[in-house]
Amino acid sequence: MNITNKTVLITGGGSGIGLEIAKQLSAKNNKVIITGRTADKLQKAAEGLANVTAIAADVTNADNVKKLVATIKSDFGGLDILINNAGHTYVYNLNGSANAEQKARDEFDTNFFSILNLTEQLLPILPASPEAAIVNVSSILALTPRHTLPTYSASKAALHSYTQALRFALKATNVKVFELMPPLVNTEFSKEIGGENGIPPSTVADNLISAFEKDEYEIHVGNTAHIYGLSPVNAFKMVNEG
């Protein structure tokens, strides 16, 4: 698909993978909207980038999402590409005092339910574009869980299933559905789990741009491609035992 002269919304666009994608799409003459919870962080991220607009919005807040969608309609006249990138994680082990239920609720609110809500609210708008796309940023952990990220892994597995179903549901429309599946990435988000050993976020953005151009809908970045080719038992061992 063509990825120039489009209007793009990136959630969690103020840092990490989201910001790198914003930089690359801005360089290709797209209008890019980045969202996140913190206005100052977003404004700083947008500085120096052409055609990038920062709009503070919490994607887990229903009122914020309604306002965001209304702004896209009124100020931008529509949308061509939605990139669901915002994420939330806890690092912990499952035990009797982990409070796993609450952690899972927090993670699923950001990593799954907010994506369903925002996508559903924008689906009436996207078909107006001659060539539209939805990108869900999941993870290598959608394929096999990491024991120290148990419910984060579960939220990404749920997102993977949803993305496959959404792609099938929209196959007769002009809305293409992509899934970006990075491994460990060196960002602030992944600092607690050894992110310094991960790949640069620019590599993830490079892979997405290439996939857009080739209409490659499930994007296995870096080590994700290797994990995808393993048996479930061996994939689990590799992620959890090294």
Protein backbone atom coordinates (compact mmCIF):
# COMPACT_ATOMS: atom_id res chain seq x y z
CA MET A 1 0.00 0.00 0.00
CA ASN A 2 1.01 3.59 -0.51
CA ILE A 3 2.21 5.31 2.68
CA THR A 4 2.55 8.92 1.63
CA ASN A 5 0.10 11.81 2.00
CA LYS A 6 -2.01 9.98 4.55
CA THR A 7 -3.40 10.94 7.95
CA VAL A 8 -2.10 8.61 10.65
CA LEU A 9 -3.00 8.20 14.33
CA ILE A 10 -0.41 6.58 16.60
CA THR A 11 -1.35 5.78 20.19
CA GLY A 12 1.56 5.74 22.62
CA GLY A 13 3.36 7.94 20.12
CA GLY A 14 5.43 9.99 22.54
CA SER A 15 8.35 7.57 22.89
CA GLY A 16 9.82 4.24 21.89
CA ILE A 17 8.37 2.35 18.95
CA GLY A 18 5.49 4.78 18.48
CA LEU A 19 7.79 7.79 18.19
CA GLU A 20 10.11 6.03 15.74
CA ILE A 21 7.14 5.15 13.55
CA ALA A 22 5.98 8.77 13.75
CA LYS A 23 9.41 9.98 12.62
CA GLN A 24 9.48 7.69 9.61
CA LEU A 25 5.91 8.43 8.53
CA SER A 26 6.48 12.17 9.01
CA ALA A 27 9.49 11.92 6.69
CA LYS A 28 7.21 10.39 4.05
CA ASN A 29 4.97 13.47 4.01
CA ASN A 30 2.14 12.06 6.10
CA LYS A 31 0.08 13.98 8.65
CA VAL A 32 0.81 12.19 11.92
CA ILE A 33 -1.19 12.48 15.13
CA ILE A 34 0.51 11.13 18.25
CA THR A 35 -1.39 10.50 21.46
CA GLY A 36 -0.47 9.59 25.00
CA ARG A 37 -1.37 10.46 28.56
CA THR A 38 1.22 13.21 29.15
CA ALA A 39 0.86 16.44 27.17
CA ASP A 40 4.38 17.78 27.90
CA LYS A 41 6.02 14.54 26.80
CA LEU A 42 4.00 14.49 23.58
CA GLN A 43 4.77 18.11 22.73
CA LYS A 44 8.48 17.51 23.26
CA ALA A 45 8.31 14.42 21.04
CA ALA A 46 6.58 16.37 18.26
CA GLU A 47 9.11 19.22 18.25
CA GLY A 48 11.16 19.31 15.09
CA LEU A 49 9.00 16.77 13.27
CA ALA A 50 7.12 17.97 10.21
CA ASN A 51 3.35 17.46 10.11
CA VAL A 52 3.17 15.88 13.56
CA THR A 53 0.38 16.93 15.93
CA ALA A 54 0.36 15.96 19.61
CA ILE A 55 -3.01 15.36 21.27
CA ALA A 56 -3.05 14.25 24.91
CA ALA A 57 -5.52 11.40 25.36
CA ASP A 58 -5.77 8.36 27.60
CA VAL A 59 -7.00 5.51 25.40
CA THR A 60 -8.42 3.70 28.43
CA ASN A 61 -10.69 6.68 29.19
CA ALA A 62 -13.96 6.55 27.23
CA ASP A 63 -14.49 10.33 27.29
CA ASN A 64 -10.93 10.97 26.10
CA VAL A 65 -11.45 8.56 23.21
CA LYS A 66 -14.71 10.21 22.16
CA LYS A 67 -13.02 13.62 22.15
CA LEU A 68 -10.08 12.26 20.19
CA VAL A 69 -12.33 10.74 17.53
CA ALA A 70 -14.33 13.98 17.30
CA THR A 71 -11.11 15.99 16.86
CA ILE A 72 -9.94 13.68 14.08
CA LYS A 73 -13.24 14.23 12.27
CA SER A 74 -13.37 18.00 12.75
CA ASP A 75 -9.71 19.00 12.46
CA PHE A 76 -8.32 16.41 10.09
CA GLY A 77 -11.35 15.46 8.02
CA GLY A 78 -10.84 11.76 8.50
CA LEU A 79 -8.20 9.11 9.00
CA ASP A 80 -6.26 6.72 6.77
CA ILE A 81 -4.14 4.70 9.20
CA LEU A 82 -4.68 3.74 12.85
CA ILE A 83 -1.65 2.38 14.72
CA ASN A 84 -2.62 0.88 18.08
CA ASN A 85 0.72 1.03 19.87
CA ALA A 86 -0.02 2.09 23.48
CA GLY A 87 0.95 -0.56 25.98
CA HIS A 88 1.20 -1.30 29.69
CA THR A 89 3.02 -4.06 31.56
CA TYR A 90 3.90 -5.41 34.99
CA VAL A 91 6.93 -7.58 35.66
CA TYR A 92 6.20 -10.21 38.29
CA ASN A 93 5.99 -13.90 39.09
CA LEU A 94 2.72 -15.70 39.65
CA ASN A 95 2.40 -16.52 43.33
CA GLY A 96 -0.07 -16.15 46.17
CA SER A 97 0.71 -12.47 46.73
CA ALA A 98 1.12 -11.22 43.16
CA ASN A 99 -2.32 -9.56 42.90
CA ALA A 100 -2.39 -10.96 39.37
CA GLU A 101 -6.06 -10.20 38.77
CA GLN A 102 -5.64 -6.44 39.21
CA LYS A 103 -2.43 -6.39 37.20
CA ALA A 104 -4.17 -8.28 34.40
CA ARG A 105 -7.12 -5.87 34.44
CA ASP A 106 -4.75 -2.90 34.10
CA GLU A 107 -2.81 -4.54 31.27
CA PHE A 108 -5.87 -5.72 29.38
CA ASP A 109 -7.46 -2.27 29.68
CA THR A 110 -4.57 -0.74 27.72
CA ASN A 111 -3.33 -3.65 25.62
CA PHE A 112 -6.67 -5.09 24.53
CA PHE A 113 -9.93 -3.40 25.53
CA SER A 114 -8.82 0.12 24.62
CA ILE A 115 -7.82 -1.15 21.17
CA LEU A 116 -11.23 -2.73 20.65
CA ASN A 117 -12.94 0.51 21.66
CA LEU A 118 -10.81 2.92 19.63
CA THR A 119 -10.83 0.69 16.57
CA GLU A 120 -14.60 0.26 16.70
CA GLN A 121 -15.13 4.01 16.98
CA LEU A 122 -12.85 4.68 14.01
CA LEU A 123 -14.12 1.90 11.76
CA PRO A 124 -16.98 4.07 10.42
CA ILE A 125 -14.37 6.68 9.39
CA LEU A 126 -11.60 4.55 7.89
CA PRO A 127 -13.53 3.18 4.89
CA ALA A 128 -13.84 6.74 3.53
CA SER A 129 -10.12 6.50 2.74
CA PRO A 130 -9.34 4.93 -0.65
CA GLU A 131 -6.66 2.84 1.07
CA ALA A 132 -6.87 2.51 4.84
CA ALA A 133 -5.06 0.42 7.42
CA ILE A 134 -5.17 -0.67 11.04
CA VAL A 135 -1.92 -1.72 12.72
CA ASN A 136 -2.03 -3.56 16.04
CA VAL A 137 1.31 -3.71 17.82
CA SER A 138 1.43 -7.00 19.66
CA SER A 139 4.61 -8.86 20.62
CA ILE A 140 6.73 -11.96 20.29
CA LEU A 141 4.92 -12.91 23.51
CA ALA A 142 1.68 -13.27 21.57
CA LEU A 143 3.20 -16.54 20.33
CA THR A 144 4.58 -17.83 23.62
CA PRO A 145 4.46 -16.34 27.14
CA ARG A 146 7.31 -15.14 29.30
CA HIS A 147 6.87 -16.30 32.87
CA THR A 148 7.79 -12.91 34.36
CA LEU A 149 5.25 -11.17 32.11
CA PRO A 150 2.40 -13.63 32.50
CA THR A 151 -0.66 -11.46 32.05
CA TYR A 152 1.04 -9.04 29.65
CA SER A 153 1.75 -12.07 27.47
CA ALA A 154 -1.89 -13.11 27.78
CA SER A 155 -3.08 -9.66 26.68
CA LYS A 156 -0.86 -9.82 23.59
CA ALA A 157 -2.10 -13.31 22.77
CA ALA A 158 -5.66 -11.97 22.96
CA LEU A 159 -4.70 -9.08 20.67
CA HIS A 160 -3.18 -11.52 18.18
CA SER A 161 -6.43 -13.51 18.02
CA TYR A 162 -8.52 -10.36 17.70
CA THR A 163 -6.31 -9.06 14.90
CA GLN A 164 -6.70 -12.24 12.91
CA ALA A 165 -10.48 -12.11 13.31
CA LEU A 166 -10.59 -8.41 12.40
CA ARG A 167 -8.52 -9.00 9.26
CA PHE A 168 -10.95 -11.69 8.15
CA ALA A 169 -13.98 -9.53 8.95
CA LEU A 170 -12.62 -6.63 6.86
CA LYS A 171 -11.17 -8.64 3.97
CA ALA A 172 -13.83 -7.41 1.53
CA THR A 173 -13.24 -3.74 2.46
CA ASN A 174 -10.49 -1.24 1.68
CA VAL A 175 -9.20 -1.46 5.28
CA LYS A 176 -6.07 -3.58 5.58
CA VAL A 177 -5.21 -5.07 8.97
CA PHE A 178 -1.56 -5.44 10.01
CA GLU A 179 0.00 -6.92 13.13
CA LEU A 180 3.47 -5.76 14.18
CA MET A 181 5.15 -8.37 16.39
CA PRO A 182 8.47 -7.12 17.80
CA PRO A 183 10.81 -9.02 20.13
CA LEU A 184 12.57 -7.28 23.01
CA VAL A 185 13.13 -3.63 22.03
CA ASN A 186 15.50 -1.15 23.66
CA THR A 187 13.02 1.40 25.00
CA GLU A 188 12.12 2.95 28.34
CA PHE A 189 9.03 0.71 28.34
CA SER A 190 11.18 -2.44 28.43
CA LYS A 191 13.92 -1.16 30.74
CA GLU A 192 12.79 -3.34 33.66
CA ILE A 193 13.06 -6.53 31.58
CA GLY A 194 16.51 -5.91 30.11
CA GLY A 195 15.53 -3.67 27.24
CA GLU A 196 19.13 -2.56 26.77
CA ASN A 197 19.70 -5.98 25.20
CA GLY A 198 16.90 -5.48 22.70
CA ILE A 199 16.84 -4.23 19.13
CA PRO A 200 16.54 -0.48 18.39
CA PRO A 201 12.99 0.85 17.99
CA SER A 202 14.04 2.24 14.62
CA THR A 203 14.44 -1.35 13.38
CA VAL A 204 10.83 -2.08 14.32
CA ALA A 205 9.68 1.05 12.47
CA ASP A 206 11.77 0.03 9.43
CA ASN A 207 10.03 -3.33 9.38
CA LEU A 208 6.59 -1.73 9.51
CA ILE A 209 7.36 0.64 6.63
CA SER A 210 8.63 -2.29 4.55
CA ALA A 211 5.54 -4.33 5.40
CA PHE A 212 3.24 -1.48 4.35
CA GLU A 213 4.97 -1.34 0.99
CA LYS A 214 4.72 -5.12 0.47
CA ASP A 215 1.26 -5.64 2.04
CA GLU A 216 2.81 -8.04 4.55
CA TYR A 217 0.07 -8.30 7.15
CA GLU A 218 1.75 -10.24 9.99
CA ILE A 219 5.16 -8.74 10.65
CA HIS A 220 7.61 -10.97 12.55
CA VAL A 221 10.39 -8.59 13.56
CA GLY A 222 13.84 -9.97 14.39
CA ASN A 223 13.76 -12.97 16.70
CA THR A 224 9.98 -13.24 16.42
CA ALA A 225 10.46 -14.92 13.03
CA HIS A 226 12.61 -17.62 14.66
CA ILE A 227 10.16 -18.17 17.52
CA TYR A 228 7.31 -18.46 15.00
CA GLY A 229 9.04 -21.40 13.35
CA LEU A 230 9.56 -23.38 16.56
CA SER A 231 7.25 -25.85 18.24
CA PRO A 232 5.28 -24.40 21.18
CA VAL A 233 7.45 -26.35 23.65
CA ASN A 234 10.73 -25.14 22.16
CA ALA A 235 9.45 -21.58 21.77
CA PHE A 236 8.54 -21.47 25.46
CA LYS A 237 11.96 -22.83 26.44
CA MET A 238 13.76 -20.28 24.32
CA VAL A 239 11.85 -17.31 25.76
CA ASN A 240 12.06 -18.48 29.37
CA GLU A 241 15.31 -20.41 29.60
CA GLY A 242 17.49 -18.64 27.05
